[in-house]
Amino acid sequence: MRQTWEVSLPDFENASVAVGEVSYFVASSGAGPAVLLLHGFPQTHVCWRHVAPVLAGAHTVVVPDLRGYGASRAPAGGRRGEGYSKREMAGELIELMAGLGHERFAVVGHDRGARVAYRLALDHPERVTRVALLNIVPTIDQFERMGEGPSLGYWPWFFLAQPAPFPERLIGGDPSAFLEHIFDAWARRPDAIDADSREAYRRALTAPTIAAMCADYRASFHLDRQHDADDRAAGRRIAAPVLVVVGEDETQLADAREVWRAWAQDLIAGVVPGGHFIPEEAPRELASMLAGFLAPAQAVDASRGV
């Protein structure tokens, strides 16, 4: 059977890196300041296939599968998602990057990966140089707005957080239909997620990875939003420069810049074409914006600010 990374990142080196009881799949390439790219739900590192090679021209680019996703192997989460809180996942990635020789690094995250990315920046400010967050607002803000009109589109937050094994069994009953619905409903251009990529995501959707995805969402319901609430009450903010990017079809995130302003000391924001899956729907625009943000001058064009 082909592995999940065979269609993903040509010219990147693939490795398994042990961090405690987790075996992380990691693709890496390039030279220069380190950048960690974190994918979202329901994907793998494959989503960065058009962006990572561009950034590798000026950076050492590290692209893992998140804990339990794709080819990363991890134990099942606890009843409330213990093991998959963004605080725990961020701590493991600090160890992973240190083991690869990167004590300080930038981080770019999409969707669930962005939730790990901002937790990295909040919990480990001495290690994170810059952080780019794609198509999210903080978890506590997300829960606070989910009682409004767009709530039907937020179904994974409550469905996947249901007690095991209810969501696991339903997803496992027809994983292809599960993925196809998400890609077709959340993207402006579903064909941007091509057949090879969809096949890779489908191969990666096994019983253990389905369990990991559910644990990820259970952790947000039970653990992550409390961590955010504690930070908000204490007035903690991200010290590193922050870039927030949303797809222009994500109308429920039109206020993302204003939301993140309460969480970041140094914030710029931009919009790129497309819907939810902007690393695949707008890879050229996103890569250009990230390259500017990650450069010393921070020469990002935020003229289309959110």
C-alpha atoms as a PDB file:
ATOM      1  CA  MET A   1       0.000   0.000   0.000  1.00  0.00           C
ATOM      2  CA  ARG A   2       1.238   3.476  -0.822  1.00  0.00           C
ATOM      3  CA  GLN A   3       1.964   5.687   2.142  1.00  0.00           C
ATOM      4  CA  THR A   4       0.198   9.002   2.800  1.00  0.00           C
ATOM      5  CA  TRP A   5       3.245  11.075   1.863  1.00  0.00           C
ATOM      6  CA  GLU A   6       4.043   9.593  -1.533  1.00  0.00           C
ATOM      7  CA  VAL A   7       2.063  12.263  -3.397  1.00  0.00           C
ATOM      8  CA  SER A   8       2.861  15.132  -1.100  1.00  0.00           C
ATOM      9  CA  LEU A   9       6.219  16.867  -0.846  1.00  0.00           C
ATOM     10  CA  PRO A  10       8.745  15.940  -3.540  1.00  0.00           C
ATOM     11  CA  ASP A  11      12.386  16.572  -2.628  1.00  0.00           C
ATOM     12  CA  PHE A  12      11.546  16.613   1.084  1.00  0.00           C
ATOM     13  CA  GLU A  13      13.163  14.059   3.370  1.00  0.00           C
ATOM     14  CA  ASN A  14      10.755  11.855   5.342  1.00  0.00           C
ATOM     15  CA  ALA A  15      11.474  10.586   8.830  1.00  0.00           C
ATOM     16  CA  SER A  16       9.833   9.213  11.961  1.00  0.00           C
ATOM     17  CA  VAL A  17      10.741  11.140  15.105  1.00  0.00           C
ATOM     18  CA  ALA A  18       9.946   9.750  18.549  1.00  0.00           C
ATOM     19  CA  VAL A  19       8.659  12.186  21.165  1.00  0.00           C
ATOM     20  CA  GLY A  20       7.725  10.324  24.307  1.00  0.00           C
ATOM     21  CA  GLU A  21       5.118   7.739  23.366  1.00  0.00           C
ATOM     22  CA  VAL A  22       4.384   9.351  19.984  1.00  0.00           C
ATOM     23  CA  SER A  23       6.049   8.585  16.662  1.00  0.00           C
ATOM     24  CA  TYR A  24       5.767  11.702  14.512  1.00  0.00           C
ATOM     25  CA  PHE A  25       5.976  11.558  10.758  1.00  0.00           C
ATOM     26  CA  VAL A  26       8.039  14.565   9.598  1.00  0.00           C
ATOM     27  CA  ALA A  27       8.931  15.850   6.131  1.00  0.00           C
ATOM     28  CA  SER A  28      11.688  18.478   5.950  1.00  0.00           C
ATOM     29  CA  SER A  29      13.722  20.415   3.411  1.00  0.00           C
ATOM     30  CA  GLY A  30      15.579  23.671   2.862  1.00  0.00           C
ATOM     31  CA  ALA A  31      18.084  25.732   4.791  1.00  0.00           C
ATOM     32  CA  GLY A  32      17.846  28.874   6.868  1.00  0.00           C
ATOM     33  CA  PRO A  33      15.549  29.928   9.743  1.00  0.00           C
ATOM     34  CA  ALA A  34      13.216  27.131  10.751  1.00  0.00           C
ATOM     35  CA  VAL A  35       9.498  27.178   9.966  1.00  0.00           C
ATOM     36  CA  LEU A  36       7.034  24.592  11.329  1.00  0.00           C
ATOM     37  CA  LEU A  37       3.927  23.979   9.178  1.00  0.00           C
ATOM     38  CA  LEU A  38       0.891  22.425  10.892  1.00  0.00           C
ATOM     39  CA  HIS A  39      -2.084  21.062   8.940  1.00  0.00           C
ATOM     40  CA  GLY A  40      -5.732  20.961   9.950  1.00  0.00           C
ATOM     41  CA  PHE A  41      -8.762  18.665   9.998  1.00  0.00           C
ATOM     42  CA  PRO A  42      -9.414  16.272   8.261  1.00  0.00           C
ATOM     43  CA  GLN A  43      -6.097  16.422   6.454  1.00  0.00           C
ATOM     44  CA  THR A  44      -2.401  15.599   6.806  1.00  0.00           C
ATOM     45  CA  HIS A  45       0.877  17.329   5.902  1.00  0.00           C
ATOM     46  CA  VAL A  46      -0.181  16.721   2.266  1.00  0.00           C
ATOM     47  CA  CYS A  47      -2.112  20.009   2.366  1.00  0.00           C
ATOM     48  CA  TRP A  48       1.198  21.944   2.259  1.00  0.00           C
ATOM     49  CA  ARG A  49       2.399  20.340  -0.984  1.00  0.00           C
ATOM     50  CA  HIS A  50       2.212  23.619  -2.968  1.00  0.00           C
ATOM     51  CA  VAL A  51       3.368  25.966  -0.186  1.00  0.00           C
ATOM     52  CA  ALA A  52       6.196  24.125   1.588  1.00  0.00           C
ATOM     53  CA  PRO A  53       8.533  23.898  -1.458  1.00  0.00           C
ATOM     54  CA  VAL A  54       8.261  27.656  -1.977  1.00  0.00           C
ATOM     55  CA  LEU A  55       9.165  28.426   1.633  1.00  0.00           C
ATOM     56  CA  ALA A  56      12.038  25.914   1.516  1.00  0.00           C
ATOM     57  CA  GLY A  57      13.872  28.287  -0.829  1.00  0.00           C
ATOM     58  CA  ALA A  58      14.733  30.522   2.151  1.00  0.00           C
ATOM     59  CA  HIS A  59      13.928  28.432   5.239  1.00  0.00           C
ATOM     60  CA  THR A  60      14.339  25.049   6.844  1.00  0.00           C
ATOM     61  CA  VAL A  61      10.768  23.808   6.540  1.00  0.00           C
ATOM     62  CA  VAL A  62       9.505  21.125   8.947  1.00  0.00           C
ATOM     63  CA  VAL A  63       6.133  19.560   8.088  1.00  0.00           C
ATOM     64  CA  PRO A  64       4.775  16.923  10.496  1.00  0.00           C
ATOM     65  CA  ASP A  65       1.498  15.085  10.653  1.00  0.00           C
ATOM     66  CA  LEU A  66      -0.212  16.200  13.848  1.00  0.00           C
ATOM     67  CA  ARG A  67      -0.367  13.862  16.818  1.00  0.00           C
ATOM     68  CA  GLY A  68      -2.334  10.780  15.753  1.00  0.00           C
ATOM     69  CA  TYR A  69      -3.136  12.126  12.286  1.00  0.00           C
ATOM     70  CA  GLY A  70      -1.825  10.680   9.021  1.00  0.00           C
ATOM     71  CA  ALA A  71       1.352   8.706   9.526  1.00  0.00           C
ATOM     72  CA  SER A  72       1.999   9.961  13.085  1.00  0.00           C
ATOM     73  CA  ARG A  73       1.291   7.220  15.593  1.00  0.00           C
ATOM     74  CA  ALA A  74       0.002   8.034  19.073  1.00  0.00           C
ATOM     75  CA  PRO A  75      -2.027   6.411  21.852  1.00  0.00           C
ATOM     76  CA  ALA A  76      -5.754   7.038  21.986  1.00  0.00           C
ATOM     77  CA  GLY A  77      -6.888  10.071  23.933  1.00  0.00           C
ATOM     78  CA  GLY A  78      -8.548  10.064  27.309  1.00  0.00           C
ATOM     79  CA  ARG A  79     -12.256  10.439  27.927  1.00  0.00           C
ATOM     80  CA  ARG A  80     -12.042  14.236  27.636  1.00  0.00           C
ATOM     81  CA  GLY A  81      -9.358  14.166  24.965  1.00  0.00           C
ATOM     82  CA  GLU A  82      -6.431  14.074  27.363  1.00  0.00           C
ATOM     83  CA  GLY A  83      -3.226  13.755  25.370  1.00  0.00           C
ATOM     84  CA  TYR A  84      -4.698  15.891  22.575  1.00  0.00           C
ATOM     85  CA  SER A  85      -5.101  19.239  24.285  1.00  0.00           C
ATOM     86  CA  LYS A  86      -3.345  21.909  22.271  1.00  0.00           C
ATOM     87  CA  ARG A  87      -1.130  22.562  25.288  1.00  0.00           C
ATOM     88  CA  GLU A  88       0.078  18.945  25.288  1.00  0.00           C
ATOM     89  CA  MET A  89       0.468  18.874  21.514  1.00  0.00           C
ATOM     90  CA  ALA A  90       2.428  22.147  21.589  1.00  0.00           C
ATOM     91  CA  GLY A  91       4.750  20.757  24.248  1.00  0.00           C
ATOM     92  CA  GLU A  92       5.476  17.704  22.121  1.00  0.00           C
ATOM     93  CA  LEU A  93       6.258  19.871  19.101  1.00  0.00           C
ATOM     94  CA  ILE A  94       8.710  21.911  21.156  1.00  0.00           C
ATOM     95  CA  GLU A  95      10.519  18.628  21.886  1.00  0.00           C
ATOM     96  CA  LEU A  96      10.293  17.540  18.258  1.00  0.00           C
ATOM     97  CA  MET A  97      11.808  20.777  16.981  1.00  0.00           C
ATOM     98  CA  ALA A  98      14.539  20.756  19.638  1.00  0.00           C
ATOM     99  CA  GLY A  99      15.420  17.206  18.642  1.00  0.00           C
ATOM    100  CA  LEU A 100      15.835  18.410  15.062  1.00  0.00           C
ATOM    101  CA  GLY A 101      18.141  21.200  16.230  1.00  0.00           C
ATOM    102  CA  HIS A 102      15.654  24.101  16.206  1.00  0.00           C
ATOM    103  CA  GLU A 103      15.426  25.898  19.540  1.00  0.00           C
ATOM    104  CA  ARG A 104      13.635  28.882  17.996  1.00  0.00           C
ATOM    105  CA  PHE A 105      11.342  28.782  14.991  1.00  0.00           C
ATOM    106  CA  ALA A 106       8.344  30.319  13.243  1.00  0.00           C
ATOM    107  CA  VAL A 107       5.095  28.392  13.071  1.00  0.00           C
ATOM    108  CA  VAL A 108       2.309  28.439  10.479  1.00  0.00           C
ATOM    109  CA  GLY A 109      -0.929  26.604  11.216  1.00  0.00           C
ATOM    110  CA  HIS A 110      -4.163  25.970   9.369  1.00  0.00           C
ATOM    111  CA  ASP A 111      -7.413  25.018  11.111  1.00  0.00           C
ATOM    112  CA  ARG A 112      -6.579  22.564  13.951  1.00  0.00           C
ATOM    113  CA  GLY A 113      -2.889  23.148  13.338  1.00  0.00           C
ATOM    114  CA  ALA A 114      -3.451  26.861  13.893  1.00  0.00           C
ATOM    115  CA  ARG A 115      -4.915  26.074  17.305  1.00  0.00           C
ATOM    116  CA  VAL A 116      -1.713  24.255  18.193  1.00  0.00           C
ATOM    117  CA  ALA A 117       0.281  27.144  16.693  1.00  0.00           C
ATOM    118  CA  TYR A 118      -1.203  29.880  18.852  1.00  0.00           C
ATOM    119  CA  ARG A 119      -0.931  27.677  21.932  1.00  0.00           C
ATOM    120  CA  LEU A 120       2.771  27.229  21.084  1.00  0.00           C
ATOM    121  CA  ALA A 121       3.157  31.003  20.952  1.00  0.00           C
ATOM    122  CA  LEU A 122       1.275  31.586  24.215  1.00  0.00           C
ATOM    123  CA  ASP A 123       2.935  28.812  26.230  1.00  0.00           C
ATOM    124  CA  HIS A 124       6.453  29.034  24.781  1.00  0.00           C
ATOM    125  CA  PRO A 125       7.084  32.663  23.808  1.00  0.00           C
ATOM    126  CA  GLU A 126      10.828  32.222  24.081  1.00  0.00           C
ATOM    127  CA  ARG A 127      10.758  29.568  21.341  1.00  0.00           C
ATOM    128  CA  VAL A 128       8.396  31.065  18.751  1.00  0.00           C
ATOM    129  CA  THR A 129       9.689  33.881  16.542  1.00  0.00           C
ATOM    130  CA  ARG A 130       6.551  34.458  14.436  1.00  0.00           C
ATOM    131  CA  VAL A 131       3.162  32.809  14.096  1.00  0.00           C
ATOM    132  CA  ALA A 132       0.756  32.701  11.146  1.00  0.00           C
ATOM    133  CA  LEU A 133      -2.824  31.546  11.784  1.00  0.00           C
ATOM    134  CA  LEU A 134      -5.035  30.493   8.892  1.00  0.00           C
ATOM    135  CA  ASN A 135      -8.847  30.521   9.023  1.00  0.00           C
ATOM    136  CA  ILE A 136      -9.489  30.457  12.767  1.00  0.00           C
ATOM    137  CA  VAL A 137     -10.348  32.570  15.765  1.00  0.00           C
ATOM    138  CA  PRO A 138      -9.316  31.412  19.263  1.00  0.00           C
ATOM    139  CA  THR A 139     -11.121  28.344  20.541  1.00  0.00           C
ATOM    140  CA  ILE A 140     -12.945  30.180  23.331  1.00  0.00           C
ATOM    141  CA  ASP A 141     -14.194  32.801  20.861  1.00  0.00           C
ATOM    142  CA  GLN A 142     -15.222  30.027  18.476  1.00  0.00           C
ATOM    143  CA  PHE A 143     -17.399  28.357  21.113  1.00  0.00           C
ATOM    144  CA  GLU A 144     -18.942  31.682  22.083  1.00  0.00           C
ATOM    145  CA  ARG A 145     -20.114  32.364  18.525  1.00  0.00           C
ATOM    146  CA  MET A 146     -21.401  28.896  17.654  1.00  0.00           C
ATOM    147  CA  GLY A 147     -24.948  29.561  18.798  1.00  0.00           C
ATOM    148  CA  GLU A 148     -25.485  31.949  15.882  1.00  0.00           C
ATOM    149  CA  GLY A 149     -26.574  31.499  12.271  1.00  0.00           C
ATOM    150  CA  PRO A 150     -23.496  29.741  10.808  1.00  0.00           C
ATOM    151  CA  SER A 151     -23.648  27.019  13.473  1.00  0.00           C
ATOM    152  CA  LEU A 152     -24.707  24.290  11.037  1.00  0.00           C
ATOM    153  CA  GLY A 153     -21.285  24.539   9.424  1.00  0.00           C
ATOM    154  CA  TYR A 154     -19.572  24.015  12.770  1.00  0.00           C
ATOM    155  CA  TRP A 155     -20.929  20.501  13.276  1.00  0.00           C
ATOM    156  CA  PRO A 156     -17.495  18.818  13.855  1.00  0.00           C
ATOM    157  CA  TRP A 157     -17.030  20.744  17.111  1.00  0.00           C
ATOM    158  CA  PHE A 158     -19.893  18.908  18.791  1.00  0.00           C
ATOM    159  CA  PHE A 159     -20.183  15.717  16.744  1.00  0.00           C
ATOM    160  CA  LEU A 160     -16.547  14.647  17.126  1.00  0.00           C
ATOM    161  CA  ALA A 161     -16.543  15.649  20.787  1.00  0.00           C
ATOM    162  CA  GLN A 162     -19.267  13.104  21.617  1.00  0.00           C
ATOM    163  CA  PRO A 163     -18.166  10.267  23.914  1.00  0.00           C
ATOM    164  CA  ALA A 164     -16.281   7.407  22.272  1.00  0.00           C
ATOM    165  CA  PRO A 165     -16.961   5.321  20.308  1.00  0.00           C
ATOM    166  CA  PHE A 166     -20.071   7.010  18.847  1.00  0.00           C
ATOM    167  CA  PRO A 167     -18.470   9.401  16.320  1.00  0.00           C
ATOM    168  CA  GLU A 168     -15.655   6.970  15.552  1.00  0.00           C
ATOM    169  CA  ARG A 169     -18.132   4.290  14.476  1.00  0.00           C
ATOM    170  CA  LEU A 170     -20.189   6.655  12.340  1.00  0.00           C
ATOM    171  CA  ILE A 171     -17.160   8.068  10.499  1.00  0.00           C
ATOM    172  CA  GLY A 172     -15.677   4.602  10.069  1.00  0.00           C
ATOM    173  CA  GLY A 173     -18.904   3.421   8.448  1.00  0.00           C
ATOM    174  CA  ASP A 174     -18.236   5.498   5.317  1.00  0.00           C
ATOM    175  CA  PRO A 175     -15.004   7.505   5.632  1.00  0.00           C
ATOM    176  CA  SER A 176     -14.941   8.414   1.937  1.00  0.00           C
ATOM    177  CA  ALA A 177     -18.374  10.054   2.120  1.00  0.00           C
ATOM    178  CA  PHE A 178     -17.287  11.859   5.283  1.00  0.00           C
ATOM    179  CA  LEU A 179     -14.269  13.389   3.547  1.00  0.00           C
ATOM    180  CA  GLU A 180     -16.028  14.178   0.287  1.00  0.00           C
ATOM    181  CA  HIS A 181     -18.762  16.090   2.108  1.00  0.00           C
ATOM    182  CA  ILE A 182     -16.192  18.237   3.931  1.00  0.00           C
ATOM    183  CA  PHE A 183     -14.064  18.990   0.886  1.00  0.00           C
ATOM    184  CA  ASP A 184     -17.053  19.763  -1.320  1.00  0.00           C
ATOM    185  CA  ALA A 185     -18.878  21.876   1.271  1.00  0.00           C
ATOM    186  CA  TRP A 186     -16.005  23.871   2.769  1.00  0.00           C
ATOM    187  CA  ALA A 187     -14.012  24.795  -0.340  1.00  0.00           C
ATOM    188  CA  ARG A 188     -14.896  27.405  -2.928  1.00  0.00           C
ATOM    189  CA  ARG A 189     -13.157  25.232  -5.521  1.00  0.00           C
ATOM    190  CA  PRO A 190     -13.429  21.590  -4.463  1.00  0.00           C
ATOM    191  CA  ASP A 191     -11.254  20.587  -7.427  1.00  0.00           C
ATOM    192  CA  ALA A 192      -8.325  22.378  -5.741  1.00  0.00           C
ATOM    193  CA  ILE A 193      -8.126  19.261  -3.560  1.00  0.00           C
ATOM    194  CA  ASP A 194      -7.182  16.953  -6.403  1.00  0.00           C
ATOM    195  CA  ALA A 195      -7.835  13.236  -6.774  1.00  0.00           C
ATOM    196  CA  ASP A 196      -4.377  12.168  -5.592  1.00  0.00           C
ATOM    197  CA  SER A 197      -4.649  14.301  -2.465  1.00  0.00           C
ATOM    198  CA  ARG A 198      -8.131  13.030  -1.702  1.00  0.00           C
ATOM    199  CA  GLU A 199      -6.868   9.486  -2.057  1.00  0.00           C
ATOM    200  CA  ALA A 200      -4.024  10.258   0.349  1.00  0.00           C
ATOM    201  CA  TYR A 201      -6.414  11.755   2.897  1.00  0.00           C
ATOM    202  CA  ARG A 202      -8.707   8.757   2.540  1.00  0.00           C
ATOM    203  CA  ARG A 203      -5.859   6.282   3.067  1.00  0.00           C
ATOM    204  CA  ALA A 204      -4.879   8.228   6.162  1.00  0.00           C
ATOM    205  CA  LEU A 205      -8.383   7.944   7.636  1.00  0.00           C
ATOM    206  CA  THR A 206      -7.953   4.696   9.565  1.00  0.00           C
ATOM    207  CA  ALA A 207      -9.514   3.640  12.858  1.00  0.00           C
ATOM    208  CA  PRO A 208      -6.588   5.060  14.907  1.00  0.00           C
ATOM    209  CA  THR A 209      -6.546   8.385  13.054  1.00  0.00           C
ATOM    210  CA  ILE A 210     -10.324   8.754  13.324  1.00  0.00           C
ATOM    211  CA  ALA A 211      -9.934   8.230  17.068  1.00  0.00           C
ATOM    212  CA  ALA A 212      -7.205  10.883  17.161  1.00  0.00           C
ATOM    213  CA  MET A 213      -9.381  13.408  15.328  1.00  0.00           C
ATOM    214  CA  CYS A 214     -12.197  12.823  17.807  1.00  0.00           C
ATOM    215  CA  ALA A 215      -9.781  13.179  20.722  1.00  0.00           C
ATOM    216  CA  ASP A 216      -8.566  16.453  19.220  1.00  0.00           C
ATOM    217  CA  TYR A 217     -12.115  17.850  19.255  1.00  0.00           C
ATOM    218  CA  ARG A 218     -12.946  16.386  22.673  1.00  0.00           C
ATOM    219  CA  ALA A 219      -9.893  18.176  24.028  1.00  0.00           C
ATOM    220  CA  SER A 220     -11.114  21.484  22.595  1.00  0.00           C
ATOM    221  CA  PHE A 221     -14.544  21.041  24.201  1.00  0.00           C
ATOM    222  CA  HIS A 222     -13.283  19.965  27.620  1.00  0.00           C
ATOM    223  CA  LEU A 223      -9.747  21.377  27.945  1.00  0.00           C
ATOM    224  CA  ASP A 224      -8.609  23.898  25.322  1.00  0.00           C
ATOM    225  CA  ARG A 225     -11.313  26.489  25.816  1.00  0.00           C
ATOM    226  CA  GLN A 226     -10.617  26.505  29.557  1.00  0.00           C
ATOM    227  CA  HIS A 227      -6.930  27.133  28.852  1.00  0.00           C
ATOM    228  CA  ASP A 228      -7.988  30.032  26.616  1.00  0.00           C
ATOM    229  CA  ALA A 229     -10.365  31.352  29.277  1.00  0.00           C
ATOM    230  CA  ASP A 230      -7.559  31.314  31.846  1.00  0.00           C
ATOM    231  CA  ASP A 231      -5.269  33.214  29.467  1.00  0.00           C
ATOM    232  CA  ARG A 232      -7.942  35.765  28.603  1.00  0.00           C
ATOM    233  CA  ALA A 233      -8.720  36.371  32.280  1.00  0.00           C
ATOM    234  CA  ALA A 234      -5.006  36.846  32.993  1.00  0.00           C
ATOM    235  CA  GLY A 235      -4.574  39.192  30.024  1.00  0.00           C
ATOM    236  CA  ARG A 236      -1.972  36.975  28.375  1.00  0.00           C
ATOM    237  CA  ARG A 237      -1.209  37.875  24.771  1.00  0.00           C
ATOM    238  CA  ILE A 238       1.013  36.493  22.010  1.00  0.00           C
ATOM    239  CA  ALA A 239       4.350  38.310  22.091  1.00  0.00           C
ATOM    240  CA  ALA A 240       5.615  37.229  18.657  1.00  0.00           C
ATOM    241  CA  PRO A 241       4.437  38.973  15.468  1.00  0.00           C
ATOM    242  CA  VAL A 242       1.152  37.419  14.290  1.00  0.00           C
ATOM    243  CA  LEU A 243      -0.220  37.093  10.762  1.00  0.00           C
ATOM    244  CA  VAL A 244      -3.897  36.153  10.478  1.00  0.00           C
ATOM    245  CA  VAL A 245      -5.119  34.985   7.048  1.00  0.00           C
ATOM    246  CA  VAL A 246      -8.649  33.976   6.070  1.00  0.00           C
ATOM    247  CA  GLY A 247     -10.270  32.856   2.850  1.00  0.00           C
ATOM    248  CA  GLU A 248     -12.576  35.502   1.446  1.00  0.00           C
ATOM    249  CA  ASP A 249     -15.494  33.028   1.385  1.00  0.00           C
ATOM    250  CA  GLU A 250     -15.154  32.458   5.141  1.00  0.00           C
ATOM    251  CA  THR A 251     -17.646  35.228   5.876  1.00  0.00           C
ATOM    252  CA  GLN A 252     -18.113  34.084   9.474  1.00  0.00           C
ATOM    253  CA  LEU A 253     -14.461  35.102  10.016  1.00  0.00           C
ATOM    254  CA  ALA A 254     -14.825  38.624   8.616  1.00  0.00           C
ATOM    255  CA  ASP A 255     -14.031  39.967  12.089  1.00  0.00           C
ATOM    256  CA  ALA A 256     -10.951  37.790  12.619  1.00  0.00           C
ATOM    257  CA  ARG A 257      -8.575  40.740  12.781  1.00  0.00           C
ATOM    258  CA  GLU A 258     -10.639  42.422  15.503  1.00  0.00           C
ATOM    259  CA  VAL A 259     -10.899  39.182  17.491  1.00  0.00           C
ATOM    260  CA  TRP A 260      -7.167  38.472  17.310  1.00  0.00           C
ATOM    261  CA  ARG A 261      -6.272  42.055  18.226  1.00  0.00           C
ATOM    262  CA  ALA A 262      -7.247  41.188  21.807  1.00  0.00           C
ATOM    263  CA  TRP A 263      -4.775  38.291  21.767  1.00  0.00           C
ATOM    264  CA  ALA A 264      -1.746  39.679  19.908  1.00  0.00           C
ATOM    265  CA  GLN A 265       0.622  42.562  20.551  1.00  0.00           C
ATOM    266  CA  ASP A 266       1.849  42.807  16.957  1.00  0.00           C
ATOM    267  CA  LEU A 267      -0.816  41.854  14.408  1.00  0.00           C
ATOM    268  CA  ILE A 268      -1.292  42.076  10.661  1.00  0.00           C
ATOM    269  CA  ALA A 269      -4.070  40.407   8.685  1.00  0.00           C
ATOM    270  CA  GLY A 270      -4.916  39.538   5.121  1.00  0.00           C
ATOM    271  CA  VAL A 271      -7.413  37.798   2.899  1.00  0.00           C
ATOM    272  CA  VAL A 272      -6.760  35.312   0.092  1.00  0.00           C
ATOM    273  CA  PRO A 273      -9.180  33.872  -2.469  1.00  0.00           C
ATOM    274  CA  GLY A 274     -11.115  30.729  -1.646  1.00  0.00           C
ATOM    275  CA  GLY A 275     -12.911  29.027   1.183  1.00  0.00           C
ATOM    276  CA  HIS A 276     -11.636  26.989   4.091  1.00  0.00           C
ATOM    277  CA  PHE A 277      -8.736  25.046   2.531  1.00  0.00           C
ATOM    278  CA  ILE A 278      -6.580  28.016   1.547  1.00  0.00           C
ATOM    279  CA  PRO A 279      -3.206  26.168   1.458  1.00  0.00           C
ATOM    280  CA  GLU A 280      -4.689  24.290  -1.513  1.00  0.00           C
ATOM    281  CA  GLU A 281      -7.223  26.800  -2.837  1.00  0.00           C
ATOM    282  CA  ALA A 282      -4.850  29.800  -2.887  1.00  0.00           C
ATOM    283  CA  PRO A 283      -1.330  28.375  -2.600  1.00  0.00           C
ATOM    284  CA  ARG A 284       0.448  31.074  -4.622  1.00  0.00           C
ATOM    285  CA  GLU A 285      -1.174  33.937  -2.774  1.00  0.00           C
ATOM    286  CA  LEU A 286      -0.619  32.286   0.583  1.00  0.00           C
ATOM    287  CA  ALA A 287       3.010  31.365  -0.124  1.00  0.00           C
ATOM    288  CA  SER A 288       3.749  34.941  -1.208  1.00  0.00           C
ATOM    289  CA  MET A 289       2.147  36.377   1.921  1.00  0.00           C
ATOM    290  CA  LEU A 290       3.973  33.920   4.180  1.00  0.00           C
ATOM    291  CA  ALA A 291       7.317  34.542   2.487  1.00  0.00           C
ATOM    292  CA  GLY A 292       6.942  38.243   3.140  1.00  0.00           C
ATOM    293  CA  PHE A 293       5.847  37.767   6.729  1.00  0.00           C
ATOM    294  CA  LEU A 294       8.659  35.345   7.505  1.00  0.00           C
ATOM    295  CA  ALA A 295      11.315  37.628   5.963  1.00  0.00           C
ATOM    296  CA  PRO A 296      13.181  39.906   8.375  1.00  0.00           C
ATOM    297  CA  ALA A 297      11.420  43.013   7.032  1.00  0.00           C
ATOM    298  CA  GLN A 298       7.942  41.470   7.465  1.00  0.00           C
ATOM    299  CA  ALA A 299       7.124  42.746   3.997  1.00  0.00           C
ATOM    300  CA  VAL A 300       3.662  41.223   3.888  1.00  0.00           C
ATOM    301  CA  ASP A 301       1.047  43.056   1.809  1.00  0.00           C
ATOM    302  CA  ALA A 302      -1.863  43.477   4.168  1.00  0.00           C
ATOM    303  CA  SER A 303      -3.663  45.928   1.928  1.00  0.00           C
ATOM    304  CA  ARG A 304      -6.547  43.463   1.796  1.00  0.00           C
ATOM    305  CA  GLY A 305      -6.753  43.415   5.567  1.00  0.00           C
ATOM    306  CA  VAL A 306      -9.489  41.364   7.134  1.00  0.00           C
END
